[in-house]
Amino acid sequence: MNAIKEKELEEITGGQIESVTGPIINAAVNVVKILQDAGYNLGSGIRRIFKNNMCPLE
């Protein structure tokens, strides 16, 4: 097996992409889930208002 010199080690690239990591992707997915839930709740509220199906405030 050949030994790799230090200069050659510095030139090796690979592995994970530096700009997009797991935690960044996870955070983006969580933001999408939050927006989806907010849209669902907003749509349900609008539908209940127009169908006059609101809970009494008493």
C-alpha atoms as a PDB file:
ATOM      1  CA  MET A   1       0.000   0.000   0.000  1.00  0.00           C
ATOM      2  CA  ASN A   2       1.355   3.442  -0.916  1.00  0.00           C
ATOM      3  CA  ALA A   3       1.571   6.162   1.691  1.00  0.00           C
ATOM      4  CA  ILE A   4      -0.269   9.360   0.817  1.00  0.00           C
ATOM      5  CA  LYS A   5       1.650  12.555   1.214  1.00  0.00           C
ATOM      6  CA  GLU A   6       0.230  15.476   3.201  1.00  0.00           C
ATOM      7  CA  LYS A   7      -0.163  17.614   0.088  1.00  0.00           C
ATOM      8  CA  GLU A   8      -2.187  14.875  -1.599  1.00  0.00           C
ATOM      9  CA  LEU A   9      -4.397  14.561   1.501  1.00  0.00           C
ATOM     10  CA  GLU A  10      -5.309  18.248   1.268  1.00  0.00           C
ATOM     11  CA  GLU A  11      -6.526  17.762  -2.314  1.00  0.00           C
ATOM     12  CA  ILE A  12      -8.905  14.895  -1.519  1.00  0.00           C
ATOM     13  CA  THR A  13     -12.553  15.932  -1.727  1.00  0.00           C
ATOM     14  CA  GLY A  14     -15.661  13.945  -1.012  1.00  0.00           C
ATOM     15  CA  GLY A  15     -18.096  13.037   1.692  1.00  0.00           C
ATOM     16  CA  GLN A  16     -20.875  15.373   2.654  1.00  0.00           C
ATOM     17  CA  ILE A  17     -21.744  18.500   0.773  1.00  0.00           C
ATOM     18  CA  GLU A  18     -20.594  21.429   2.858  1.00  0.00           C
ATOM     19  CA  SER A  19     -23.456  23.766   1.979  1.00  0.00           C
ATOM     20  CA  VAL A  20     -26.374  21.385   2.641  1.00  0.00           C
ATOM     21  CA  THR A  21     -26.161  19.287   5.786  1.00  0.00           C
ATOM     22  CA  GLY A  22     -28.577  17.002   7.577  1.00  0.00           C
ATOM     23  CA  PRO A  23     -29.688  19.533  10.185  1.00  0.00           C
ATOM     24  CA  ILE A  24     -30.413  22.129   7.486  1.00  0.00           C
ATOM     25  CA  ILE A  25     -32.579  19.661   5.564  1.00  0.00           C
ATOM     26  CA  ASN A  26     -34.320  18.626   8.789  1.00  0.00           C
ATOM     27  CA  ALA A  27     -35.063  22.268   9.651  1.00  0.00           C
ATOM     28  CA  ALA A  28     -36.459  22.907   6.167  1.00  0.00           C
ATOM     29  CA  VAL A  29     -38.735  19.864   6.423  1.00  0.00           C
ATOM     30  CA  ASN A  30     -39.967  21.055   9.831  1.00  0.00           C
ATOM     31  CA  VAL A  31     -40.767  24.498   8.385  1.00  0.00           C
ATOM     32  CA  VAL A  32     -42.774  22.882   5.582  1.00  0.00           C
ATOM     33  CA  LYS A  33     -44.687  20.761   8.121  1.00  0.00           C
ATOM     34  CA  ILE A  34     -45.486  23.837  10.230  1.00  0.00           C
ATOM     35  CA  LEU A  35     -46.732  25.748   7.178  1.00  0.00           C
ATOM     36  CA  GLN A  36     -48.824  22.779   6.104  1.00  0.00           C
ATOM     37  CA  ASP A  37     -50.429  22.497   9.551  1.00  0.00           C
ATOM     38  CA  ALA A  38     -51.082  26.243   9.648  1.00  0.00           C
ATOM     39  CA  GLY A  39     -52.749  26.100   6.230  1.00  0.00           C
ATOM     40  CA  TYR A  40     -54.881  23.151   7.284  1.00  0.00           C
ATOM     41  CA  ASN A  41     -56.044  24.934  10.438  1.00  0.00           C
ATOM     42  CA  LEU A  42     -56.702  28.185   8.583  1.00  0.00           C
ATOM     43  CA  GLY A  43     -58.727  26.360   5.930  1.00  0.00           C
ATOM     44  CA  SER A  44     -60.716  24.517   8.579  1.00  0.00           C
ATOM     45  CA  GLY A  45     -61.456  27.795  10.359  1.00  0.00           C
ATOM     46  CA  ILE A  46     -62.623  29.477   7.158  1.00  0.00           C
ATOM     47  CA  ARG A  47     -64.831  26.506   6.292  1.00  0.00           C
ATOM     48  CA  ARG A  48     -66.405  26.497   9.764  1.00  0.00           C
ATOM     49  CA  ILE A  49     -67.108  30.240   9.572  1.00  0.00           C
ATOM     50  CA  PHE A  50     -68.862  29.971   6.185  1.00  0.00           C
ATOM     51  CA  LYS A  51     -70.875  26.888   7.201  1.00  0.00           C
ATOM     52  CA  ASN A  52     -71.809  28.574  10.505  1.00  0.00           C
ATOM     53  CA  ASN A  53     -70.429  25.621  12.422  1.00  0.00           C
ATOM     54  CA  MET A  54     -68.672  27.526  15.199  1.00  0.00           C
ATOM     55  CA  CYS A  55     -68.399  26.439  18.821  1.00  0.00           C
ATOM     56  CA  PRO A  56     -70.377  28.650  21.202  1.00  0.00           C
ATOM     57  CA  LEU A  57     -68.321  31.054  23.300  1.00  0.00           C
ATOM     58  CA  GLU A  58     -70.567  30.711  26.379  1.00  0.00           C
END
